[in-house]
Amino acid sequence: MIAIALDRASDQPLYTQIREAVRTALAEGRLHPGDRLPPVTVWAGELGVTPSTVRRALEDLTSAGLTRSFVGRG
């Protein structure tokens, strides 16, 4: 899993920080096609954010064609 450091003092919303961290990890090869991200609730707990914050980041990434989501598969 990629390490994400959130800057809570930033003007940038937390979901965009998560989204951009995943984009960067993909671009730098730290995440590869087929790699699984943690379940939303687990990842939210690890990052100290609400599940809706993680969901919003993942929805943006899915809309951009960078991730896919499968219910019940992780």
Protein backbone atom coordinates (compact mmCIF):
# COMPACT_ATOMS: atom_id res chain seq x y z
CA MET A 1 0.00 0.00 0.00
CA ILE A 2 1.15 3.51 -0.69
CA ALA A 3 1.87 5.88 2.15
CA ILE A 4 -0.25 9.02 2.07
CA ALA A 5 0.55 12.01 4.25
CA LEU A 6 -2.46 14.29 4.49
CA ASP A 7 -1.97 17.98 5.20
CA ARG A 8 -4.99 18.98 7.25
CA ALA A 9 -3.86 22.63 7.24
CA SER A 10 -3.88 22.76 3.43
CA ASP A 11 -6.54 24.59 1.44
CA GLN A 12 -6.75 21.47 -0.74
CA PRO A 13 -9.59 19.16 0.38
CA LEU A 14 -8.56 15.81 1.85
CA TYR A 15 -10.23 13.83 -0.95
CA THR A 16 -8.18 15.67 -3.57
CA GLN A 17 -5.00 14.98 -1.60
CA ILE A 18 -5.86 11.28 -1.58
CA ARG A 19 -6.77 11.33 -5.28
CA GLU A 20 -3.52 13.06 -6.23
CA ALA A 21 -1.45 10.72 -4.06
CA VAL A 22 -2.92 7.73 -5.91
CA ARG A 23 -2.34 9.43 -9.30
CA THR A 24 1.26 10.12 -8.35
CA ALA A 25 1.79 6.55 -7.15
CA LEU A 26 0.47 5.25 -10.47
CA ALA A 27 2.64 7.64 -12.49
CA GLU A 28 5.75 6.75 -10.48
CA GLY A 29 5.11 3.00 -10.68
CA ARG A 30 4.51 2.52 -6.97
CA LEU A 31 1.03 1.23 -7.87
CA HIS A 32 0.55 -1.08 -10.83
CA PRO A 33 -2.46 -2.21 -12.86
CA GLY A 34 -4.24 -4.89 -10.88
CA ASP A 35 -2.94 -3.76 -7.48
CA ARG A 36 -5.71 -3.70 -4.92
CA LEU A 37 -6.42 -0.75 -2.71
CA PRO A 38 -7.73 -1.37 0.80
CA PRO A 39 -11.48 -1.45 1.42
CA VAL A 40 -12.90 2.05 1.84
CA THR A 41 -13.63 1.69 5.56
CA VAL A 42 -10.20 0.24 6.33
CA TRP A 43 -8.39 2.90 4.30
CA ALA A 44 -10.46 5.67 5.89
CA GLY A 45 -9.51 4.38 9.34
CA GLU A 46 -5.82 4.26 8.40
CA LEU A 47 -5.92 7.82 7.05
CA GLY A 48 -8.10 9.19 9.85
CA VAL A 49 -10.83 10.42 7.49
CA THR A 50 -14.44 9.48 6.91
CA PRO A 51 -15.30 6.72 4.43
CA SER A 52 -17.10 9.29 2.27
CA THR A 53 -13.81 11.19 1.84
CA VAL A 54 -12.08 8.07 0.50
CA ARG A 55 -15.13 7.21 -1.61
CA ARG A 56 -15.08 10.66 -3.22
CA ALA A 57 -11.38 10.31 -4.14
CA LEU A 58 -11.99 6.85 -5.61
CA GLU A 59 -15.04 8.03 -7.55
CA ASP A 60 -12.91 10.75 -9.17
CA LEU A 61 -10.21 8.20 -10.04
CA THR A 62 -12.77 5.78 -11.46
CA SER A 63 -14.35 8.55 -13.55
CA ALA A 64 -10.88 9.32 -14.94
CA GLY A 65 -10.43 5.66 -15.85
CA LEU A 66 -7.57 5.13 -13.39
CA THR A 67 -9.29 2.70 -11.02
CA ARG A 68 -12.11 0.20 -11.09
CA SER A 69 -14.36 -0.79 -8.24
CA PHE A 70 -15.92 -4.18 -7.59
CA VAL A 71 -18.36 -4.57 -4.71
CA GLY A 72 -17.21 -7.26 -2.32
CA ARG A 73 -13.85 -7.86 -4.01
CA GLY A 74 -11.71 -5.15 -2.47
